Amino acid sequence: MKKDIHPENYRMVIFHDNSSGERILVGSTVETTETDKWTDGTEYPLVKVDVTSASHPFYTGQEKVMDTAGRVDRFKQRAAKAKK
């Protein structure tokens, strides 16, 4: 590998899926202030996300609405106004 081209803050990070509760340990450069312990007892940085492959309908094959910001309701309201 070439020297001095890779990020210095690359490390293992726990990604916690808020919708399924699944936790994934992968390498990342994402910035976070939270930490948590992995199954091996080692403490890693923690990032909480709304969607991962453990909860996304494409990967799970289960259709469900994941609307944490109210976007679906706002869209339905705009569509109802447009019909009038």
PDB file of N, CA and C in Angstrom:
ATOM      1  N   MET A   1       0.839  -1.196   0.000  1.00  0.00           N
ATOM      2  CA  MET A   1       0.000   0.000   0.000  1.00  0.00           C
ATOM      3  C   MET A   1       0.873   1.245   0.000  1.00  0.00           C
ATOM      4  N   LYS A   2       0.340   2.303  -0.570  1.00  0.00           N
ATOM      5  CA  LYS A   2       1.062   3.567  -0.579  1.00  0.00           C
ATOM      6  C   LYS A   2       1.044   4.172   0.820  1.00  0.00           C
ATOM      7  N   LYS A   3       2.108   4.829   1.173  1.00  0.00           N
ATOM      8  CA  LYS A   3       2.191   5.478   2.479  1.00  0.00           C
ATOM      9  C   LYS A   3       1.576   6.871   2.424  1.00  0.00           C
ATOM     10  N   ASP A   4       1.054   7.324   3.566  1.00  0.00           N
ATOM     11  CA  ASP A   4       0.546   8.686   3.772  1.00  0.00           C
ATOM     12  C   ASP A   4      -0.666   9.044   2.913  1.00  0.00           C
ATOM     13  N   ILE A   5      -1.442   8.060   2.460  1.00  0.00           N
ATOM     14  CA  ILE A   5      -2.661   8.403   1.721  1.00  0.00           C
ATOM     15  C   ILE A   5      -3.915   7.935   2.452  1.00  0.00           C
ATOM     16  N   HIS A   6      -3.758   7.162   3.496  1.00  0.00           N
ATOM     17  CA  HIS A   6      -4.910   6.626   4.209  1.00  0.00           C
ATOM     18  C   HIS A   6      -5.265   7.503   5.413  1.00  0.00           C
ATOM     19  N   PRO A   7      -6.552   7.610   5.740  1.00  0.00           N
ATOM     20  CA  PRO A   7      -6.956   8.447   6.874  1.00  0.00           C
ATOM     21  C   PRO A   7      -6.373   7.931   8.190  1.00  0.00           C
ATOM     22  N   GLU A   8      -6.017   8.855   9.059  1.00  0.00           N
ATOM     23  CA  GLU A   8      -5.425   8.491  10.346  1.00  0.00           C
ATOM     24  C   GLU A   8      -6.471   8.041  11.358  1.00  0.00           C
ATOM     25  N   ASN A   9      -7.728   8.467  11.195  1.00  0.00           N
ATOM     26  CA  ASN A   9      -8.768   8.140  12.173  1.00  0.00           C
ATOM     27  C   ASN A   9      -9.560   6.887  11.798  1.00  0.00           C
ATOM     28  N   TYR A  10      -9.037   6.027  10.925  1.00  0.00           N
ATOM     29  CA  TYR A  10      -9.701   4.770  10.577  1.00  0.00           C
ATOM     30  C   TYR A  10      -9.563   3.793  11.733  1.00  0.00           C
ATOM     31  N   ARG A  11     -10.707   3.279  12.217  1.00  0.00           N
ATOM     32  CA  ARG A  11     -10.706   2.340  13.334  1.00  0.00           C
ATOM     33  C   ARG A  11     -11.988   1.542  13.297  1.00  0.00           C
ATOM     34  N   MET A  12     -12.092   0.516  14.140  1.00  0.00           N
ATOM     35  CA  MET A  12     -13.299  -0.298  14.220  1.00  0.00           C
ATOM     36  C   MET A  12     -14.378   0.487  14.972  1.00  0.00           C
ATOM     37  N   VAL A  13     -15.618   0.448  14.453  1.00  0.00           N
ATOM     38  CA  VAL A  13     -16.741   1.203  15.009  1.00  0.00           C
ATOM     39  C   VAL A  13     -17.959   0.290  15.072  1.00  0.00           C
ATOM     40  N   ILE A  14     -18.752   0.423  16.145  1.00  0.00           N
ATOM     41  CA  ILE A  14     -20.015  -0.306  16.272  1.00  0.00           C
ATOM     42  C   ILE A  14     -21.121   0.565  15.687  1.00  0.00           C
ATOM     43  N   PHE A  15     -21.871   0.009  14.729  1.00  0.00           N
ATOM     44  CA  PHE A  15     -23.054   0.677  14.194  1.00  0.00           C
ATOM     45  C   PHE A  15     -24.273  -0.016  14.788  1.00  0.00           C
ATOM     46  N   HIS A  16     -25.110   0.739  15.491  1.00  0.00           N
ATOM     47  CA  HIS A  16     -26.320   0.203  16.144  1.00  0.00           C
ATOM     48  C   HIS A  16     -27.532   0.617  15.320  1.00  0.00           C
ATOM     49  N   ASP A  17     -28.276  -0.356  14.827  1.00  0.00           N
ATOM     50  CA  ASP A  17     -29.484  -0.110  14.041  1.00  0.00           C
ATOM     51  C   ASP A  17     -30.644   0.145  15.002  1.00  0.00           C
ATOM     52  N   ASN A  18     -31.167   1.374  15.008  1.00  0.00           N
ATOM     53  CA  ASN A  18     -32.246   1.741  15.928  1.00  0.00           C
ATOM     54  C   ASN A  18     -33.542   0.986  15.661  1.00  0.00           C
ATOM     55  N   SER A  19     -33.815   0.613  14.407  1.00  0.00           N
ATOM     56  CA  SER A  19     -35.091  -0.029  14.106  1.00  0.00           C
ATOM     57  C   SER A  19     -35.088  -1.532  14.365  1.00  0.00           C
ATOM     58  N   SER A  20     -33.943  -2.200  14.252  1.00  0.00           N
ATOM     59  CA  SER A  20     -33.926  -3.642  14.472  1.00  0.00           C
ATOM     60  C   SER A  20     -33.155  -4.057  15.726  1.00  0.00           C
ATOM     61  N   GLY A  21     -32.323  -3.160  16.248  1.00  0.00           N
ATOM     62  CA  GLY A  21     -31.518  -3.491  17.416  1.00  0.00           C
ATOM     63  C   GLY A  21     -30.225  -4.217  17.073  1.00  0.00           C
ATOM     64  N   GLU A  22     -30.020  -4.512  15.810  1.00  0.00           N
ATOM     65  CA  GLU A  22     -28.816  -5.210  15.347  1.00  0.00           C
ATOM     66  C   GLU A  22     -27.588  -4.313  15.507  1.00  0.00           C
ATOM     67  N   ARG A  23     -26.452  -4.922  15.824  1.00  0.00           N
ATOM     68  CA  ARG A  23     -25.197  -4.191  15.960  1.00  0.00           C
ATOM     69  C   ARG A  23     -24.159  -4.791  15.027  1.00  0.00           C
ATOM     70  N   ILE A  24     -23.410  -3.925  14.330  1.00  0.00           N
ATOM     71  CA  ILE A  24     -22.428  -4.360  13.348  1.00  0.00           C
ATOM     72  C   ILE A  24     -21.099  -3.691  13.669  1.00  0.00           C
ATOM     73  N   LEU A  25     -20.031  -4.458  13.692  1.00  0.00           N
ATOM     74  CA  LEU A  25     -18.692  -3.929  13.954  1.00  0.00           C
ATOM     75  C   LEU A  25     -17.926  -3.900  12.638  1.00  0.00           C
ATOM     76  N   VAL A  26     -17.594  -2.696  12.159  1.00  0.00           N
ATOM     77  CA  VAL A  26     -16.865  -2.531  10.897  1.00  0.00           C
ATOM     78  C   VAL A  26     -15.865  -1.397  11.035  1.00  0.00           C
ATOM     79  N   GLY A  27     -14.922  -1.331  10.130  1.00  0.00           N
ATOM     80  CA  GLY A  27     -13.963  -0.234  10.100  1.00  0.00           C
ATOM     81  C   GLY A  27     -14.591   1.002   9.503  1.00  0.00           C
ATOM     82  N   SER A  28     -14.296   2.166  10.089  1.00  0.00           N
ATOM     83  CA  SER A  28     -14.891   3.413   9.622  1.00  0.00           C
ATOM     84  C   SER A  28     -14.070   4.605  10.091  1.00  0.00           C
ATOM     85  N   THR A  29     -14.296   5.751   9.443  1.00  0.00           N
ATOM     86  CA  THR A  29     -13.686   7.008   9.865  1.00  0.00           C
ATOM     87  C   THR A  29     -14.727   7.972  10.427  1.00  0.00           C
ATOM     88  N   VAL A  30     -15.977   7.510  10.611  1.00  0.00           N
ATOM     89  CA  VAL A  30     -17.055   8.367  11.093  1.00  0.00           C
ATOM     90  C   VAL A  30     -16.700   8.927  12.478  1.00  0.00           C
ATOM     91  N   GLU A  31     -17.064  10.186  12.707  1.00  0.00           N
ATOM     92  CA  GLU A  31     -16.801  10.855  13.989  1.00  0.00           C
ATOM     93  C   GLU A  31     -17.960  10.616  14.949  1.00  0.00           C
ATOM     94  N   THR A  32     -17.659  10.255  16.171  1.00  0.00           N
ATOM     95  CA  THR A  32     -18.676  10.040  17.192  1.00  0.00           C
ATOM     96  C   THR A  32     -18.054  10.239  18.573  1.00  0.00           C
ATOM     97  N   THR A  33     -18.893  10.592  19.537  1.00  0.00           N
ATOM     98  CA  THR A  33     -18.406  10.769  20.903  1.00  0.00           C
ATOM     99  C   THR A  33     -18.845   9.635  21.811  1.00  0.00           C
ATOM    100  N   GLU A  34     -19.810   8.810  21.355  1.00  0.00           N
ATOM    101  CA  GLU A  34     -20.319   7.704  22.163  1.00  0.00           C
ATOM    102  C   GLU A  34     -19.438   6.471  22.011  1.00  0.00           C
ATOM    103  N   THR A  35     -19.396   5.652  23.054  1.00  0.00           N
ATOM    104  CA  THR A  35     -18.687   4.377  23.005  1.00  0.00           C
ATOM    105  C   THR A  35     -19.550   3.298  23.633  1.00  0.00           C
ATOM    106  N   ASP A  36     -19.253   2.042  23.298  1.00  0.00           N
ATOM    107  CA  ASP A  36     -19.968   0.911  23.875  1.00  0.00           C
ATOM    108  C   ASP A  36     -19.071  -0.317  23.788  1.00  0.00           C
ATOM    109  N   LYS A  37     -19.395  -1.337  24.576  1.00  0.00           N
ATOM    110  CA  LYS A  37     -18.596  -2.565  24.565  1.00  0.00           C
ATOM    111  C   LYS A  37     -19.152  -3.551  23.558  1.00  0.00           C
ATOM    112  N   TRP A  38     -18.258  -4.204  22.836  1.00  0.00           N
ATOM    113  CA  TRP A  38     -18.612  -5.251  21.887  1.00  0.00           C
ATOM    114  C   TRP A  38     -18.669  -6.574  22.637  1.00  0.00           C
ATOM    115  N   THR A  39     -19.042  -7.644  21.985  1.00  0.00           N
ATOM    116  CA  THR A  39     -19.195  -8.948  22.633  1.00  0.00           C
ATOM    117  C   THR A  39     -17.890  -9.497  23.189  1.00  0.00           C
ATOM    118  N   ASP A  40     -16.744  -9.025  22.677  1.00  0.00           N
ATOM    119  CA  ASP A  40     -15.460  -9.499  23.185  1.00  0.00           C
ATOM    120  C   ASP A  40     -14.976  -8.695  24.398  1.00  0.00           C
ATOM    121  N   GLY A  41     -15.781  -7.715  24.842  1.00  0.00           N
ATOM    122  CA  GLY A  41     -15.446  -6.911  26.006  1.00  0.00           C
ATOM    123  C   GLY A  41     -14.646  -5.665  25.698  1.00  0.00           C
ATOM    124  N   THR A  42     -14.232  -5.488  24.439  1.00  0.00           N
ATOM    125  CA  THR A  42     -13.475  -4.306  24.035  1.00  0.00           C
ATOM    126  C   THR A  42     -14.424  -3.145  23.790  1.00  0.00           C
ATOM    127  N   GLU A  43     -14.021  -1.935  24.184  1.00  0.00           N
ATOM    128  CA  GLU A  43     -14.849  -0.759  23.985  1.00  0.00           C
ATOM    129  C   GLU A  43     -14.501  -0.104  22.657  1.00  0.00           C
ATOM    130  N   TYR A  44     -15.541   0.195  21.866  1.00  0.00           N
ATOM    131  CA  TYR A  44     -15.388   0.798  20.550  1.00  0.00           C
ATOM    132  C   TYR A  44     -16.276   2.036  20.453  1.00  0.00           C
ATOM    133  N   PRO A  45     -15.978   2.947  19.503  1.00  0.00           N
ATOM    134  CA  PRO A  45     -16.889   4.062  19.234  1.00  0.00           C
ATOM    135  C   PRO A  45     -18.237   3.519  18.753  1.00  0.00           C
ATOM    136  N   LEU A  46     -19.317   4.223  19.086  1.00  0.00           N
ATOM    137  CA  LEU A  46     -20.676   3.782  18.757  1.00  0.00           C
ATOM    138  C   LEU A  46     -21.372   4.832  17.902  1.00  0.00           C
ATOM    139  N   VAL A  47     -22.010   4.373  16.815  1.00  0.00           N
ATOM    140  CA  VAL A  47     -22.815   5.240  15.950  1.00  0.00           C
ATOM    141  C   VAL A  47     -24.200   4.633  15.862  1.00  0.00           C
ATOM    142  N   LYS A  48     -25.231   5.432  16.130  1.00  0.00           N
ATOM    143  CA  LYS A  48     -26.610   4.962  16.031  1.00  0.00           C
ATOM    144  C   LYS A  48     -27.181   5.418  14.693  1.00  0.00           C
ATOM    145  N   VAL A  49     -27.732   4.449  13.929  1.00  0.00           N
ATOM    146  CA  VAL A  49     -28.295   4.742  12.613  1.00  0.00           C
ATOM    147  C   VAL A  49     -29.722   4.201  12.540  1.00  0.00           C
ATOM    148  N   ASP A  50     -30.516   4.746  11.615  1.00  0.00           N
ATOM    149  CA  ASP A  50     -31.910   4.331  11.480  1.00  0.00           C
ATOM    150  C   ASP A  50     -32.069   3.106  10.590  1.00  0.00           C
ATOM    151  N   VAL A  51     -31.197   2.947   9.579  1.00  0.00           N
ATOM    152  CA  VAL A  51     -31.350   1.854   8.625  1.00  0.00           C
ATOM    153  C   VAL A  51     -29.999   1.204   8.347  1.00  0.00           C
ATOM    154  N   THR A  52     -29.959  -0.122   8.402  1.00  0.00           N
ATOM    155  CA  THR A  52     -28.795  -0.891   7.969  1.00  0.00           C
ATOM    156  C   THR A  52     -29.309  -2.059   7.125  1.00  0.00           C
ATOM    157  N   SER A  53     -28.420  -2.912   6.690  1.00  0.00           N
ATOM    158  CA  SER A  53     -28.854  -4.072   5.924  1.00  0.00           C
ATOM    159  C   SER A  53     -29.706  -5.011   6.779  1.00  0.00           C
ATOM    160  N   ALA A  54     -29.629  -4.887   8.092  1.00  0.00           N
ATOM    161  CA  ALA A  54     -30.435  -5.734   8.981  1.00  0.00           C
ATOM    162  C   ALA A  54     -31.897  -5.302   9.034  1.00  0.00           C
ATOM    163  N   SER A  55     -32.204  -4.069   8.601  1.00  0.00           N
ATOM    164  CA  SER A  55     -33.585  -3.596   8.669  1.00  0.00           C
ATOM    165  C   SER A  55     -34.115  -3.060   7.347  1.00  0.00           C
ATOM    166  N   HIS A  56     -33.289  -2.893   6.332  1.00  0.00           N
ATOM    167  CA  HIS A  56     -33.744  -2.344   5.055  1.00  0.00           C
ATOM    168  C   HIS A  56     -34.589  -3.366   4.302  1.00  0.00           C
ATOM    169  N   PRO A  57     -35.743  -2.953   3.773  1.00  0.00           N
ATOM    170  CA  PRO A  57     -36.635  -3.887   3.082  1.00  0.00           C
ATOM    171  C   PRO A  57     -35.977  -4.635   1.921  1.00  0.00           C
ATOM    172  N   PHE A  58     -35.037  -4.034   1.237  1.00  0.00           N
ATOM    173  CA  PHE A  58     -34.373  -4.722   0.128  1.00  0.00           C
ATOM    174  C   PHE A  58     -33.655  -5.974   0.600  1.00  0.00           C
ATOM    175  N   TYR A  59     -33.012  -5.898   1.751  1.00  0.00           N
ATOM    176  CA  TYR A  59     -32.240  -7.026   2.263  1.00  0.00           C
ATOM    177  C   TYR A  59     -33.080  -8.008   3.079  1.00  0.00           C
ATOM    178  N   THR A  60     -34.110  -7.500   3.754  1.00  0.00           N
ATOM    179  CA  THR A  60     -34.916  -8.373   4.612  1.00  0.00           C
ATOM    180  C   THR A  60     -36.073  -9.024   3.876  1.00  0.00           C
ATOM    181  N   GLY A  61     -36.515  -8.421   2.771  1.00  0.00           N
ATOM    182  CA  GLY A  61     -37.657  -8.952   2.030  1.00  0.00           C
ATOM    183  C   GLY A  61     -38.983  -8.621   2.680  1.00  0.00           C
ATOM    184  N   GLN A  62     -38.972  -7.817   3.726  1.00  0.00           N
ATOM    185  CA  GLN A  62     -40.198  -7.429   4.425  1.00  0.00           C
ATOM    186  C   GLN A  62     -40.460  -5.959   4.163  1.00  0.00           C
ATOM    187  N   GLU A  63     -41.661  -5.669   3.680  1.00  0.00           N
ATOM    188  CA  GLU A  63     -42.007  -4.288   3.398  1.00  0.00           C
ATOM    189  C   GLU A  63     -42.494  -3.611   4.666  1.00  0.00           C
ATOM    190  N   LYS A  64     -41.897  -2.477   5.001  1.00  0.00           N
ATOM    191  CA  LYS A  64     -42.373  -1.695   6.138  1.00  0.00           C
ATOM    192  C   LYS A  64     -41.991  -0.239   5.919  1.00  0.00           C
ATOM    193  N   VAL A  65     -42.763   0.653   6.494  1.00  0.00           N
ATOM    194  CA  VAL A  65     -42.519   2.085   6.354  1.00  0.00           C
ATOM    195  C   VAL A  65     -41.609   2.532   7.483  1.00  0.00           C
ATOM    196  N   MET A  66     -40.465   3.096   7.117  1.00  0.00           N
ATOM    197  CA  MET A  66     -39.529   3.618   8.113  1.00  0.00           C
ATOM    198  C   MET A  66     -39.491   5.134   7.960  1.00  0.00           C
ATOM    199  N   ASP A  67     -40.343   5.808   8.680  1.00  0.00           N
ATOM    200  CA  ASP A  67     -40.446   7.253   8.563  1.00  0.00           C
ATOM    201  C   ASP A  67     -40.218   7.877   9.930  1.00  0.00           C
ATOM    202  N   THR A  68     -38.985   8.294  10.194  1.00  0.00           N
ATOM    203  CA  THR A  68     -38.680   8.877  11.495  1.00  0.00           C
ATOM    204  C   THR A  68     -38.823  10.386  11.487  1.00  0.00           C
ATOM    205  N   ALA A  69     -38.961  10.984  10.319  1.00  0.00           N
ATOM    206  CA  ALA A  69     -39.024  12.440  10.253  1.00  0.00           C
ATOM    207  C   ALA A  69     -40.391  12.951   9.815  1.00  0.00           C
ATOM    208  N   GLY A  70     -41.391  12.072   9.657  1.00  0.00           N
ATOM    209  CA  GLY A  70     -42.726  12.510   9.280  1.00  0.00           C
ATOM    210  C   GLY A  70     -42.875  12.845   7.808  1.00  0.00           C
ATOM    211  N   ARG A  71     -41.959  12.394   6.970  1.00  0.00           N
ATOM    212  CA  ARG A  71     -41.989  12.734   5.550  1.00  0.00           C
ATOM    213  C   ARG A  71     -43.179  12.099   4.840  1.00  0.00           C
ATOM    214  N   VAL A  72     -43.550  10.891   5.225  1.00  0.00           N
ATOM    215  CA  VAL A  72     -44.665  10.214   4.573  1.00  0.00           C
ATOM    216  C   VAL A  72     -45.960  10.972   4.828  1.00  0.00           C
ATOM    217  N   ASP A  73     -46.191  11.394   6.061  1.00  0.00           N
ATOM    218  CA  ASP A  73     -47.403  12.145   6.384  1.00  0.00           C
ATOM    219  C   ASP A  73     -47.465  13.468   5.626  1.00  0.00           C
ATOM    220  N   ARG A  74     -46.351  14.172   5.537  1.00  0.00           N
ATOM    221  CA  ARG A  74     -46.331  15.438   4.792  1.00  0.00           C
ATOM    222  C   ARG A  74     -46.616  15.207   3.312  1.00  0.00           C
ATOM    223  N   PHE A  75     -46.075  14.117   2.751  1.00  0.00           N
ATOM    224  CA  PHE A  75     -46.331  13.796   1.351  1.00  0.00           C
ATOM    225  C   PHE A  75     -47.807  13.501   1.131  1.00  0.00           C
ATOM    226  N   LYS A  76     -48.413  12.721   2.023  1.00  0.00           N
ATOM    227  CA  LYS A  76     -49.833  12.388   1.891  1.00  0.00           C
ATOM    228  C   LYS A  76     -50.706  13.635   1.984  1.00  0.00           C
ATOM    229  N   GLN A  77     -50.333  14.585   2.846  1.00  0.00           N
ATOM    230  CA  GLN A  77     -51.090  15.829   2.960  1.00  0.00           C
ATOM    231  C   GLN A  77     -50.995  16.644   1.680  1.00  0.00           C
ATOM    232  N   ARG A  78     -49.790  16.721   1.107  1.00  0.00           N
ATOM    233  CA  ARG A  78     -49.625  17.461  -0.152  1.00  0.00           C
ATOM    234  C   ARG A  78     -50.379  16.784  -1.279  1.00  0.00           C
ATOM    235  N   ALA A  79     -50.378  15.465  -1.311  1.00  0.00           N
ATOM    236  CA  ALA A  79     -51.100  14.729  -2.368  1.00  0.00           C
ATOM    237  C   ALA A  79     -52.598  14.944  -2.224  1.00  0.00           C
ATOM    238  N   ALA A  80     -53.116  14.968  -1.011  1.00  0.00           N
ATOM    239  CA  ALA A  80     -54.539  15.190  -0.798  1.00  0.00           C
ATOM    240  C   ALA A  80     -54.928  16.593  -1.245  1.00  0.00           C
ATOM    241  N   LYS A  81     -54.101  17.597  -0.967  1.00  0.00           N
ATOM    242  CA  LYS A  81     -54.380  18.977  -1.402  1.00  0.00           C
ATOM    243  C   LYS A  81     -54.376  19.074  -2.924  1.00  0.00           C
ATOM    244  N   ALA A  82     -53.452  18.356  -3.565  1.00  0.00           N
ATOM    245  CA  ALA A  82     -53.345  18.406  -5.028  1.00  0.00           C
ATOM    246  C   ALA A  82     -54.575  17.805  -5.711  1.00  0.00           C
ATOM    247  N   LYS A  83     -55.208  16.809  -5.090  1.00  0.00           N
ATOM    248  CA  LYS A  83     -56.389  16.176  -5.660  1.00  0.00           C
ATOM    249  C   LYS A  83     -57.614  17.104  -5.630  1.00  0.00           C
ATOM    250  N   LYS A  84     -57.655  18.011  -4.648  1.00  0.00           N
ATOM    251  CA  LYS A  84     -58.812  18.902  -4.485  1.00  0.00           C
ATOM    252  C   LYS A  84     -58.894  19.937  -5.538  1.00  0.00           C
TER     253      LYS A  84
END
